[in-house]
C-alpha atoms as a PDB file:
ATOM      1  CA  MET A   1     103.745 118.347  94.152  1.00  0.00           C
ATOM      2  CA  ASN A   2     107.539 118.408  93.760  1.00  0.00           C
ATOM      3  CA  GLU A   3     109.288 121.498  92.567  1.00  0.00           C
ATOM      4  CA  THR A   4     110.358 121.003  88.961  1.00  0.00           C
ATOM      5  CA  VAL A   5     113.569 122.031  86.943  1.00  0.00           C
ATOM      6  CA  THR A   6     114.133 122.026  83.273  1.00  0.00           C
ATOM      7  CA  LEU A   7     116.983 119.993  81.703  1.00  0.00           C
ATOM      8  CA  SER A   8     119.339 123.085  81.081  1.00  0.00           C
ATOM      9  CA  GLN A   9     118.723 124.128  84.744  1.00  0.00           C
ATOM     10  CA  ALA A  10     119.567 120.718  86.057  1.00  0.00           C
ATOM     11  CA  ARG A  11     122.989 120.926  83.547  1.00  0.00           C
ATOM     12  CA  GLU A  12     123.732 124.174  85.244  1.00  0.00           C
ATOM     13  CA  ILE A  13     123.257 122.658  88.815  1.00  0.00           C
ATOM     14  CA  ILE A  14     124.960 119.482  88.075  1.00  0.00           C
ATOM     15  CA  LYS A  15     128.172 121.739  86.834  1.00  0.00           C
ATOM     16  CA  ALA A  16     127.953 123.586  89.889  1.00  0.00           C
ATOM     17  CA  LEU A  17     127.593 121.160  92.494  1.00  0.00           C
ATOM     18  CA  ALA A  18     128.432 117.568  91.320  1.00  0.00           C
ATOM     19  CA  ALA A  19     131.938 117.666  92.401  1.00  0.00           C
ATOM     20  CA  ASP A  20     131.151 117.982  95.923  1.00  0.00           C
ATOM     21  CA  GLU A  21     127.528 117.010  96.397  1.00  0.00           C
ATOM     22  CA  SER A  22     125.696 113.905  94.576  1.00  0.00           C
ATOM     23  CA  VAL A  23     122.898 114.420  92.379  1.00  0.00           C
ATOM     24  CA  LEU A  24     119.992 111.870  91.384  1.00  0.00           C
ATOM     25  CA  LEU A  25     117.828 113.009  88.215  1.00  0.00           C
ATOM     26  CA  LEU A  26     114.210 111.717  88.494  1.00  0.00           C
ATOM     27  CA  SER A  27     111.686 112.062  85.811  1.00  0.00           C
ATOM     28  CA  SER A  28     109.544 110.128  83.562  1.00  0.00           C
ATOM     29  CA  PRO A  29     110.990 107.894  80.630  1.00  0.00           C
ATOM     30  CA  GLY A  30     112.344 109.363  77.622  1.00  0.00           C
ATOM     31  CA  LEU A  31     113.321 112.710  78.443  1.00  0.00           C
ATOM     32  CA  GLY A  32     117.123 113.036  78.086  1.00  0.00           C
ATOM     33  CA  LYS A  33     118.542 112.850  81.413  1.00  0.00           C
ATOM     34  CA  SER A  34     121.203 110.740  80.429  1.00  0.00           C
ATOM     35  CA  ASP A  35     122.202 113.149  77.112  1.00  0.00           C
ATOM     36  CA  ILE A  36     122.076 116.029  79.739  1.00  0.00           C
ATOM     37  CA  VAL A  37     124.545 114.405  82.066  1.00  0.00           C
ATOM     38  CA  ARG A  38     127.083 113.181  79.323  1.00  0.00           C
ATOM     39  CA  SER A  39     126.913 117.190  77.835  1.00  0.00           C
ATOM     40  CA  ALA A  40     127.573 118.467  81.151  1.00  0.00           C
ATOM     41  CA  ALA A  41     130.455 116.323  81.634  1.00  0.00           C
ATOM     42  CA  ALA A  42     131.931 117.286  78.366  1.00  0.00           C
ATOM     43  CA  GLU A  43     131.305 120.663  78.714  1.00  0.00           C
ATOM     44  CA  ALA A  44     133.720 120.613  82.026  1.00  0.00           C
ATOM     45  CA  GLY A  45     136.251 118.551  80.202  1.00  0.00           C
ATOM     46  CA  LEU A  46     135.181 115.127  82.107  1.00  0.00           C
ATOM     47  CA  GLU A  47     135.204 111.991  80.865  1.00  0.00           C
ATOM     48  CA  CYS A  48     132.006 110.344  81.513  1.00  0.00           C
ATOM     49  CA  ARG A  49     131.969 106.860  83.248  1.00  0.00           C
ATOM     50  CA  SER A  50     128.608 105.036  83.305  1.00  0.00           C
ATOM     51  CA  LEU A  51     127.123 102.288  85.197  1.00  0.00           C
ATOM     52  CA  LEU A  52     123.748 100.918  84.664  1.00  0.00           C
ATOM     53  CA  GLY A  53     121.606 100.335  87.739  1.00  0.00           C
ATOM     54  CA  THR A  54     119.990  97.378  86.197  1.00  0.00           C
ATOM     55  CA  GLN A  55     123.194  95.326  85.035  1.00  0.00           C
ATOM     56  CA  ILE A  56     125.456  95.478  88.191  1.00  0.00           C
ATOM     57  CA  ALA A  57     126.033  93.490  91.304  1.00  0.00           C
ATOM     58  CA  PRO A  58     127.177  94.626  94.875  1.00  0.00           C
ATOM     59  CA  GLU A  59     130.524  93.738  94.138  1.00  0.00           C
ATOM     60  CA  ASP A  60     130.730  95.680  91.064  1.00  0.00           C
ATOM     61  CA  VAL A  61     130.492  98.672  93.330  1.00  0.00           C
ATOM     62  CA  SER A  62     132.509  97.636  96.426  1.00  0.00           C
ATOM     63  CA  GLY A  63     135.341  95.566  94.841  1.00  0.00           C
ATOM     64  CA  VAL A  64     136.387  91.954  95.023  1.00  0.00           C
ATOM     65  CA  PRO A  65     138.809  90.698  97.647  1.00  0.00           C
ATOM     66  CA  LYS A  66     142.703  89.989  97.128  1.00  0.00           C
ATOM     67  CA  ILE A  67     144.941  88.606  99.662  1.00  0.00           C
ATOM     68  CA  ASP A  68     147.355  91.080 100.593  1.00  0.00           C
ATOM     69  CA  GLY A  69     149.960  89.500 103.190  1.00  0.00           C
ATOM     70  CA  GLU A  70     147.755  88.512 105.779  1.00  0.00           C
ATOM     71  CA  ARG A  71     144.784  90.669 105.250  1.00  0.00           C
ATOM     72  CA  SER A  72     142.284  90.952 102.306  1.00  0.00           C
ATOM     73  CA  VAL A  73     141.888  94.182 100.430  1.00  0.00           C
ATOM     74  CA  PHE A  74     138.805  94.777  98.282  1.00  0.00           C
ATOM     75  CA  CYS A  75     140.094  95.894  94.590  1.00  0.00           C
ATOM     76  CA  PRO A  76     137.368  98.660  93.645  1.00  0.00           C
ATOM     77  CA  PRO A  77     136.663  98.259  89.791  1.00  0.00           C
ATOM     78  CA  ARG A  78     138.292 100.364  87.264  1.00  0.00           C
ATOM     79  CA  ILE A  79     135.363 101.911  85.954  1.00  0.00           C
ATOM     80  CA  LEU A  80     134.766 103.270  89.512  1.00  0.00           C
ATOM     81  CA  LEU A  81     138.384 103.976  90.257  1.00  0.00           C
ATOM     82  CA  PRO A  82     140.505 104.626  87.054  1.00  0.00           C
ATOM     83  CA  GLU A  83     144.337 104.290  87.571  1.00  0.00           C
ATOM     84  CA  SER A  84     145.154 107.806  86.384  1.00  0.00           C
ATOM     85  CA  GLY A  85     144.012 109.469  89.448  1.00  0.00           C
ATOM     86  CA  GLU A  86     142.194 112.514  87.248  1.00  0.00           C
ATOM     87  CA  PRO A  87     138.588 113.454  88.138  1.00  0.00           C
ATOM     88  CA  PHE A  88     136.065 111.956  86.099  1.00  0.00           C
ATOM     89  CA  CYS A  89     132.108 112.027  86.062  1.00  0.00           C
ATOM     90  CA  LEU A  90     130.325 109.141  87.489  1.00  0.00           C
ATOM     91  CA  PHE A  91     127.184 108.667  86.068  1.00  0.00           C
ATOM     92  CA  LEU A  92     124.737 105.735  87.741  1.00  0.00           C
ATOM     93  CA  ASP A  93     122.040 105.568  85.284  1.00  0.00           C
ATOM     94  CA  GLU A  94     118.830 103.686  86.365  1.00  0.00           C
ATOM     95  CA  LEU A  95     119.839 104.104  89.869  1.00  0.00           C
ATOM     96  CA  PRO A  96     116.474 103.507  91.248  1.00  0.00           C
ATOM     97  CA  ALA A  97     115.851 100.128  89.207  1.00  0.00           C
ATOM     98  CA  ALA A  98     118.819  98.657  91.527  1.00  0.00           C
ATOM     99  CA  GLY A  99     118.248  96.190  93.733  1.00  0.00           C
ATOM    100  CA  PRO A 100     118.236  97.281  97.719  1.00  0.00           C
ATOM    101  CA  ASP A 101     121.742  95.341  97.803  1.00  0.00           C
ATOM    102  CA  VAL A 102     123.336  97.598  95.142  1.00  0.00           C
ATOM    103  CA  GLN A 103     121.512 100.580  96.464  1.00  0.00           C
ATOM    104  CA  LYS A 104     123.170  99.984  99.836  1.00  0.00           C
ATOM    105  CA  ALA A 105     126.574  99.468  98.264  1.00  0.00           C
ATOM    106  CA  PHE A 106     126.445 102.847  96.982  1.00  0.00           C
ATOM    107  CA  TYR A 107     125.967 104.780 100.198  1.00  0.00           C
ATOM    108  CA  ALA A 108     129.485 105.555 101.047  1.00  0.00           C
ATOM    109  CA  LEU A 109     130.167 106.362  97.506  1.00  0.00           C
ATOM    110  CA  LEU A 110     127.323 108.959  97.274  1.00  0.00           C
ATOM    111  CA  LEU A 111     127.918 110.766 100.305  1.00  0.00           C
ATOM    112  CA  GLU A 112     131.588 109.988 101.377  1.00  0.00           C
ATOM    113  CA  ARG A 113     133.153 109.950  97.782  1.00  0.00           C
ATOM    114  CA  ARG A 114     134.807 106.656  98.977  1.00  0.00           C
ATOM    115  CA  ILE A 115     134.737 103.169  97.585  1.00  0.00           C
ATOM    116  CA  GLY A 116     135.934 100.999 100.663  1.00  0.00           C
ATOM    117  CA  GLU A 117     138.934 102.336 101.774  1.00  0.00           C
ATOM    118  CA  PHE A 118     139.846 104.230  98.438  1.00  0.00           C
ATOM    119  CA  ASP A 119     138.589 108.022  97.636  1.00  0.00           C
ATOM    120  CA  LEU A 120     137.367 109.174  94.673  1.00  0.00           C
ATOM    121  CA  PRO A 121     139.897 111.563  92.665  1.00  0.00           C
ATOM    122  CA  LYS A 122     139.304 115.036  93.925  1.00  0.00           C
ATOM    123  CA  GLY A 123     136.698 117.131  91.823  1.00  0.00           C
ATOM    124  CA  THR A 124     135.098 113.993  90.579  1.00  0.00           C
ATOM    125  CA  TRP A 125     131.387 114.421  89.788  1.00  0.00           C
ATOM    126  CA  VAL A 126     128.843 111.700  91.147  1.00  0.00           C
ATOM    127  CA  VAL A 127     125.565 112.170  89.137  1.00  0.00           C
ATOM    128  CA  ALA A 128     122.373 109.351  89.044  1.00  0.00           C
ATOM    129  CA  ALA A 129     119.462 109.210  87.264  1.00  0.00           C
ATOM    130  CA  GLY A 130     116.135 107.358  87.031  1.00  0.00           C
ATOM    131  CA  ASN A 131     112.637 106.951  86.553  1.00  0.00           C
ATOM    132  CA  ARG A 132     109.886 107.553  89.307  1.00  0.00           C
ATOM    133  CA  ALA A 133     107.756 104.918  90.757  1.00  0.00           C
ATOM    134  CA  GLU A 134     104.677 106.156  89.319  1.00  0.00           C
ATOM    135  CA  ASP A 135     105.954 105.941  85.779  1.00  0.00           C
ATOM    136  CA  ARG A 136     105.484 102.087  85.442  1.00  0.00           C
ATOM    137  CA  ALA A 137     108.886 101.682  84.649  1.00  0.00           C
ATOM    138  CA  LEU A 138     111.170  99.115  86.519  1.00  0.00           C
ATOM    139  CA  VAL A 139     111.552 100.971  89.536  1.00  0.00           C
ATOM    140  CA  ARG A 140     111.960  99.970  93.183  1.00  0.00           C
ATOM    141  CA  THR A 141     111.753 102.021  96.191  1.00  0.00           C
ATOM    142  CA  ILE A 142     114.571 103.903  97.052  1.00  0.00           C
ATOM    143  CA  SER A 143     115.372 103.937 100.624  1.00  0.00           C
ATOM    144  CA  SER A 144     115.270 106.671 102.741  1.00  0.00           C
ATOM    145  CA  ALA A 145     119.103 106.405 103.663  1.00  0.00           C
ATOM    146  CA  LEU A 146     119.913 106.707  99.960  1.00  0.00           C
ATOM    147  CA  VAL A 147     117.534 109.762  99.553  1.00  0.00           C
ATOM    148  CA  ASN A 148     119.306 111.478 102.473  1.00  0.00           C
ATOM    149  CA  ARG A 149     122.733 111.027 100.688  1.00  0.00           C
ATOM    150  CA  VAL A 150     121.643 112.876  97.375  1.00  0.00           C
ATOM    151  CA  LEU A 151     120.264 115.973  95.961  1.00  0.00           C
ATOM    152  CA  ILE A 152     117.066 114.653  93.943  1.00  0.00           C
ATOM    153  CA  LEU A 153     116.122 117.164  91.044  1.00  0.00           C
ATOM    154  CA  HIS A 154     112.491 116.356  89.503  1.00  0.00           C
ATOM    155  CA  VAL A 155     113.122 117.272  86.078  1.00  0.00           C
ATOM    156  CA  ARG A 156     110.078 118.554  83.361  1.00  0.00           C
ATOM    157  CA  ALA A 157     110.109 118.425  79.708  1.00  0.00           C
ATOM    158  CA  ASP A 158     110.491 122.275  78.246  1.00  0.00           C
ATOM    159  CA  ASN A 159     109.099 122.788  74.809  1.00  0.00           C
ATOM    160  CA  GLU A 160     111.281 125.704  73.841  1.00  0.00           C
ATOM    161  CA  GLU A 161     114.456 123.706  75.335  1.00  0.00           C
ATOM    162  CA  TRP A 162     113.420 121.210  73.239  1.00  0.00           C
ATOM    163  CA  ILE A 163     112.700 123.004  69.995  1.00  0.00           C
ATOM    164  CA  SER A 164     116.399 124.767  70.334  1.00  0.00           C
ATOM    165  CA  TRP A 165     117.769 121.424  71.074  1.00  0.00           C
ATOM    166  CA  ALA A 166     116.000 119.990  67.928  1.00  0.00           C
ATOM    167  CA  ARG A 167     117.072 122.617  65.850  1.00  0.00           C
ATOM    168  CA  ALA A 168     120.640 122.070  66.604  1.00  0.00           C
ATOM    169  CA  ASN A 169     120.656 118.660  66.080  1.00  0.00           C
ATOM    170  CA  ASN A 170     118.870 118.337  62.652  1.00  0.00           C
ATOM    171  CA  ILE A 171     115.562 117.021  63.552  1.00  0.00           C
ATOM    172  CA  ARG A 172     113.493 116.917  60.861  1.00  0.00           C
ATOM    173  CA  SER A 173     111.279 120.148  60.159  1.00  0.00           C
ATOM    174  CA  GLU A 174     107.957 118.753  60.155  1.00  0.00           C
ATOM    175  CA  ILE A 175     108.632 117.361  63.643  1.00  0.00           C
ATOM    176  CA  ILE A 176     109.860 120.613  64.964  1.00  0.00           C
ATOM    177  CA  ALA A 177     106.752 122.498  63.595  1.00  0.00           C
ATOM    178  CA  PHE A 178     104.402 119.759  64.896  1.00  0.00           C
ATOM    179  CA  ILE A 179     105.842 120.243  68.519  1.00  0.00           C
ATOM    180  CA  ALA A 180     105.704 124.248  68.113  1.00  0.00           C
ATOM    181  CA  ALA A 181     102.146 123.681  67.074  1.00  0.00           C
ATOM    182  CA  VAL A 182     101.049 121.241  69.634  1.00  0.00           C
ATOM    183  CA  PRO A 183     103.219 121.373  72.756  1.00  0.00           C
ATOM    184  CA  ASP A 184     101.056 118.768  74.482  1.00  0.00           C
ATOM    185  CA  ALA A 185     102.457 116.408  72.033  1.00  0.00           C
ATOM    186  CA  LEU A 186     105.921 116.337  73.361  1.00  0.00           C
ATOM    187  CA  MET A 187     105.530 114.500  76.265  1.00  0.00           C
ATOM    188  CA  ARG A 188     102.434 112.593  76.962  1.00  0.00           C
ATOM    189  CA  PRO A 189     101.077 110.670  80.261  1.00  0.00           C
ATOM    190  CA  ILE A 190     102.473 107.202  80.244  1.00  0.00           C
ATOM    191  CA  PRO A 191      99.763 104.688  79.044  1.00  0.00           C
ATOM    192  CA  ALA A 192      98.655 101.681  81.053  1.00  0.00           C
ATOM    193  CA  GLU A 193      99.217  99.346  78.123  1.00  0.00           C
ATOM    194  CA  PRO A 194     102.699  98.652  76.664  1.00  0.00           C
ATOM    195  CA  VAL A 195     102.080 100.753  73.657  1.00  0.00           C
ATOM    196  CA  PRO A 196     104.334 103.835  72.027  1.00  0.00           C
ATOM    197  CA  PHE A 197     103.928 107.027  73.681  1.00  0.00           C
ATOM    198  CA  SER A 198     105.112 110.397  72.855  1.00  0.00           C
ATOM    199  CA  THR A 199     108.346 111.707  74.658  1.00  0.00           C
ATOM    200  CA  PRO A 200     111.002 113.766  73.484  1.00  0.00           C
ATOM    201  CA  ARG A 201     113.660 110.694  72.965  1.00  0.00           C
ATOM    202  CA  ALA A 202     110.599 109.082  70.904  1.00  0.00           C
ATOM    203  CA  TRP A 203     110.248 112.163  68.512  1.00  0.00           C
ATOM    204  CA  ALA A 204     114.010 112.364  68.070  1.00  0.00           C
ATOM    205  CA  SER A 205     113.985 108.537  67.369  1.00  0.00           C
ATOM    206  CA  LEU A 206     111.022 108.797  64.718  1.00  0.00           C
ATOM    207  CA  SER A 207     113.186 111.757  63.113  1.00  0.00           C
ATOM    208  CA  ALA A 208     116.064 109.344  62.633  1.00  0.00           C
ATOM    209  CA  SER A 209     113.955 106.738  61.539  1.00  0.00           C
ATOM    210  CA  LEU A 210     112.640 108.900  58.753  1.00  0.00           C
ATOM    211  CA  ASP A 211     115.924 110.258  57.811  1.00  0.00           C
ATOM    212  CA  LEU A 212     116.927 106.487  57.259  1.00  0.00           C
ATOM    213  CA  ALA A 213     113.847 105.318  55.249  1.00  0.00           C
ATOM    214  CA  GLU A 214     114.101 108.296  53.218  1.00  0.00           C
ATOM    215  CA  ARG A 215     117.920 107.840  52.290  1.00  0.00           C
ATOM    216  CA  ALA A 216     117.308 104.064  51.696  1.00  0.00           C
ATOM    217  CA  GLY A 217     115.038 105.239  49.106  1.00  0.00           C
ATOM    218  CA  LEU A 218     111.703 103.993  50.733  1.00  0.00           C
ATOM    219  CA  PRO A 219     108.589 106.231  49.911  1.00  0.00           C
ATOM    220  CA  LEU A 220     107.562 108.345  52.672  1.00  0.00           C
ATOM    221  CA  GLU A 221     103.889 108.420  51.671  1.00  0.00           C
ATOM    222  CA  GLN A 222     103.763 104.763  52.421  1.00  0.00           C
ATOM    223  CA  THR A 223     105.978 104.517  55.213  1.00  0.00           C
ATOM    224  CA  ARG A 224     105.416 107.294  57.440  1.00  0.00           C
ATOM    225  CA  ARG A 225     102.220 106.104  59.148  1.00  0.00           C
ATOM    226  CA  ALA A 226     104.168 102.742  60.077  1.00  0.00           C
ATOM    227  CA  LEU A 227     107.095 104.318  61.576  1.00  0.00           C
ATOM    228  CA  THR A 228     104.998 107.051  63.438  1.00  0.00           C
ATOM    229  CA  TYR A 229     102.663 104.604  64.869  1.00  0.00           C
ATOM    230  CA  GLY A 230     105.231 102.556  66.251  1.00  0.00           C
ATOM    231  CA  LYS A 231     107.011 105.408  68.018  1.00  0.00           C
ATOM    232  CA  VAL A 232     104.513 108.047  69.322  1.00  0.00           C
ATOM    233  CA  SER A 233     101.111 108.312  70.931  1.00  0.00           C
ATOM    234  CA  ALA A 234      98.606 106.917  68.739  1.00  0.00           C
ATOM    235  CA  GLY A 235      96.542 110.278  68.416  1.00  0.00           C
ATOM    236  CA  ASP A 236      99.809 112.228  68.168  1.00  0.00           C
ATOM    237  CA  ALA A 237     100.600 109.890  65.350  1.00  0.00           C
ATOM    238  CA  SER A 238      97.383 110.224  63.269  1.00  0.00           C
ATOM    239  CA  LEU A 239      97.467 114.304  63.773  1.00  0.00           C
ATOM    240  CA  PHE A 240     101.172 114.116  62.620  1.00  0.00           C
ATOM    241  CA  CYS A 241     100.889 111.961  59.704  1.00  0.00           C
ATOM    242  CA  GLY A 242      97.769 113.862  58.422  1.00  0.00           C
ATOM    243  CA  LEU A 243      99.335 117.259  58.570  1.00  0.00           C
ATOM    244  CA  ALA A 244     102.751 116.072  57.128  1.00  0.00           C
ATOM    245  CA  GLU A 245     100.656 114.522  54.412  1.00  0.00           C
ATOM    246  CA  SER A 246      99.273 117.950  53.423  1.00  0.00           C
ATOM    247  CA  GLY A 247     102.709 119.623  54.669  1.00  0.00           C
ATOM    248  CA  MET A 248     103.040 121.920  57.769  1.00  0.00           C
ATOM    249  CA  GLU A 249     106.627 123.309  57.790  1.00  0.00           C
ATOM    250  CA  ASP A 250     104.959 126.917  57.570  1.00  0.00           C
ATOM    251  CA  LEU A 251     102.502 126.404  60.496  1.00  0.00           C
ATOM    252  CA  LYS A 252     102.831 128.645  63.378  1.00  0.00           C
ATOM    253  CA  PRO A 253     102.120 128.206  67.328  1.00  0.00           C
ATOM    254  CA  ALA A 254      98.696 128.855  68.117  1.00  0.00           C
ATOM    255  CA  SER A 255      99.149 131.828  69.952  1.00  0.00           C
ATOM    256  CA  ALA A 256     100.399 133.666  66.792  1.00  0.00           C
ATOM    257  CA  TYR A 257      96.808 132.807  64.684  1.00  0.00           C
ATOM    258  CA  ILE A 258      95.327 134.650  67.959  1.00  0.00           C
ATOM    259  CA  ARG A 259      97.459 137.926  67.892  1.00  0.00           C
ATOM    260  CA  ASP A 260      97.279 137.988  64.180  1.00  0.00           C
ATOM    261  CA  PRO A 261      94.146 135.984  62.360  1.00  0.00           C
ATOM    262  CA  SER A 262      95.229 136.798  59.027  1.00  0.00           C
ATOM    263  CA  LEU A 263      97.753 134.244  59.611  1.00  0.00           C
ATOM    264  CA  LEU A 264      95.412 131.613  59.648  1.00  0.00           C
ATOM    265  CA  PRO A 265      95.993 128.966  56.783  1.00  0.00           C
ATOM    266  CA  VAL A 266      93.424 128.817  53.926  1.00  0.00           C
ATOM    267  CA  GLU A 267      93.955 125.254  53.572  1.00  0.00           C
ATOM    268  CA  PRO A 268      90.978 123.723  55.357  1.00  0.00           C
ATOM    269  CA  ALA A 269      92.977 120.869  56.919  1.00  0.00           C
ATOM    270  CA  LYS A 270      95.412 123.176  58.326  1.00  0.00           C
ATOM    271  CA  LYS A 271      92.883 125.715  59.564  1.00  0.00           C
ATOM    272  CA  TRP A 272      90.628 123.417  61.375  1.00  0.00           C
ATOM    273  CA  PHE A 273      93.808 121.687  63.241  1.00  0.00           C
ATOM    274  CA  ILE A 274      94.833 125.389  64.466  1.00  0.00           C
ATOM    275  CA  ILE A 275      91.175 125.860  65.588  1.00  0.00           C
ATOM    276  CA  ARG A 276      90.964 122.492  67.335  1.00  0.00           C
ATOM    277  CA  ILE A 277      94.180 123.425  69.021  1.00  0.00           C
ATOM    278  CA  ILE A 278      92.976 126.889  70.322  1.00  0.00           C
ATOM    279  CA  ARG A 279      89.656 125.506  71.284  1.00  0.00           C
ATOM    280  CA  LYS A 280      91.720 122.669  73.685  1.00  0.00           C
ATOM    281  CA  MET A 281      93.682 125.554  74.845  1.00  0.00           C
ATOM    282  CA  ALA A 282      90.874 127.445  76.124  1.00  0.00           C
ATOM    283  CA  ALA A 283      89.036 124.754  77.657  1.00  0.00           C
ATOM    284  CA  GLU A 284      92.232 123.774  79.563  1.00  0.00           C
ATOM    285  CA  GLY A 285      92.571 127.416  80.512  1.00  0.00           C
ATOM    286  CA  GLY A 286      95.397 128.232  78.314  1.00  0.00           C
ATOM    287  CA  LEU A 287      94.630 131.693  76.687  1.00  0.00           C
ATOM    288  CA  SER A 288      94.968 133.635  79.908  1.00  0.00           C
ATOM    289  CA  GLU A 289      97.983 135.671  78.639  1.00  0.00           C
ATOM    290  CA  PHE A 290      95.890 137.221  75.793  1.00  0.00           C
ATOM    291  CA  SER A 291      93.618 140.645  76.586  1.00  0.00           C
ATOM    292  CA  PRO A 292      89.985 140.958  75.903  1.00  0.00           C
ATOM    293  CA  ASP A 293      90.903 142.845  72.904  1.00  0.00           C
ATOM    294  CA  GLU A 294      92.625 140.172  71.220  1.00  0.00           C
ATOM    295  CA  ILE A 295      90.361 137.715  72.090  1.00  0.00           C
ATOM    296  CA  GLU A 296      87.637 139.953  70.526  1.00  0.00           C
ATOM    297  CA  ARG A 297      89.699 140.582  67.452  1.00  0.00           C
ATOM    298  CA  PHE A 298      90.561 137.033  66.900  1.00  0.00           C
ATOM    299  CA  LEU A 299      86.791 135.634  67.208  1.00  0.00           C
ATOM    300  CA  SER A 300      85.192 138.618  65.365  1.00  0.00           C
ATOM    301  CA  SER A 301      87.538 137.790  62.367  1.00  0.00           C
ATOM    302  CA  LEU A 302      86.207 134.075  62.048  1.00  0.00           C
ATOM    303  CA  PRO A 303      83.634 133.100  59.729  1.00  0.00           C
ATOM    304  CA  GLY A 304      80.296 131.915  61.322  1.00  0.00           C
ATOM    305  CA  GLU A 305      80.797 128.377  61.334  1.00  0.00           C
ATOM    306  CA  VAL A 306      84.447 128.379  62.604  1.00  0.00           C
ATOM    307  CA  ARG A 307      83.331 130.887  65.443  1.00  0.00           C
ATOM    308  CA  PHE A 308      80.690 128.365  66.288  1.00  0.00           C
ATOM    309  CA  SER A 309      83.150 125.437  66.535  1.00  0.00           C
ATOM    310  CA  LEU A 310      85.136 127.478  69.146  1.00  0.00           C
ATOM    311  CA  LEU A 311      82.254 128.452  71.317  1.00  0.00           C
ATOM    312  CA  VAL A 312      80.309 125.429  71.415  1.00  0.00           C
ATOM    313  CA  GLY A 313      80.189 124.409  75.057  1.00  0.00           C
ATOM    314  CA  LEU A 314      82.712 126.845  76.224  1.00  0.00           C
ATOM    315  CA  VAL A 315      80.702 130.068  76.137  1.00  0.00           C
ATOM    316  CA  ARG A 316      81.094 130.742  79.737  1.00  0.00           C
ATOM    317  CA  ILE A 317      85.244 130.389  79.223  1.00  0.00           C
ATOM    318  CA  TRP A 318      85.063 132.693  76.192  1.00  0.00           C
ATOM    319  CA  GLY A 319      82.862 135.096  78.149  1.00  0.00           C
ATOM    320  CA  ASP A 320      85.382 135.074  80.978  1.00  0.00           C
ATOM    321  CA  LEU A 321      88.232 135.897  78.287  1.00  0.00           C
ATOM    322  CA  GLY A 322      86.282 139.018  77.195  1.00  0.00           C
ATOM    323  CA  ALA A 323      84.800 137.907  73.958  1.00  0.00           C
ATOM    324  CA  SER A 324      81.126 139.568  74.903  1.00  0.00           C
ATOM    325  CA  ASP A 325      80.629 141.193  71.397  1.00  0.00           C
ATOM    326  CA  SER A 326      81.353 138.169  69.709  1.00  0.00           C
ATOM    327  CA  LEU A 327      79.238 135.916  71.972  1.00  0.00           C
ATOM    328  CA  LEU A 328      76.222 138.625  71.305  1.00  0.00           C
ATOM    329  CA  SER A 329      76.734 138.511  67.444  1.00  0.00           C
ATOM    330  CA  SER A 330      77.235 134.787  67.228  1.00  0.00           C
ATOM    331  CA  LEU A 331      73.605 134.689  69.285  1.00  0.00           C
ATOM    332  CA  LYS A 332      71.917 137.077  66.834  1.00  0.00           C
ATOM    333  CA  GLU A 333      73.458 134.868  64.023  1.00  0.00           C
ATOM    334  CA  ALA A 334      72.200 131.615  65.527  1.00  0.00           C
ATOM    335  CA  THR A 335      68.728 133.004  66.377  1.00  0.00           C
ATOM    336  CA  GLY A 336      68.187 135.126  63.588  1.00  0.00           C
ATOM    337  CA  LEU A 337      67.409 138.311  66.512  1.00  0.00           C
ATOM    338  CA  ARG A 338      68.016 142.001  65.953  1.00  0.00           C
END
């Protein structure tokens, strides 16, 4: 198990170290690694120059030879060594997808900040990013020599960070409400089949698509499902569309309803959606933050059929959480015992 950092933590590490130490960000696709590198460079006042690992050859790194008198001199490409001499951010995107010869060409650049006989301008950042071998993306084995030349940061999605970013970047309110209520939907495991799956990038892209459709005058009631199923995981698409059609901007995170059961929606679709999320949280051990009193107060406030739906198959889990009185009253209701 690798130690992980959030995107904002990665940004701060980049700003602190990238002028002296090459950094490689690794994560599953669609997390926002490229954006965080560019935003960190912008905050530091550095121009960000990008190279795509899948679209370059070794000579794009080492340069091409030129005859200079009786010697040949390798001339580095302008994107790697600008003539101004000013520091910049060199972003090597999809580095793990580059071929072995291209990775080898980067060795001196990553470790010594040198291209042939030329040094990078002092203060220049060198940051790379890519996907992991287990992500079923176009990834090659990273050589041990390259690994030993960089600081590797394993980056994870963080819901609170993404929601803050989404609010600041005009992501649609119904998408923000959905991710707040269903945190797991922000980043789903990569499917074995080549089908859409939920990532932070996919949700942001869906928001942009819905905005475009709305501006074009397309009725969202008819186009929402097609757009959503084309962007995110099918299960998330089904749930999101069902809730969007009934209006969900007022939905709160599931934890809010456990702490204050009076907040539970009256509308059946919304209420059962929240109950489903809470049941899933209980089954996955996600309710440990609540005290036995909070658990008991929540369960005892529910109608019998709703409470039973939460308890079925999870009696031991709810008992461990402290719901002894609710379990007993539910047993009496089910059996007619006094």
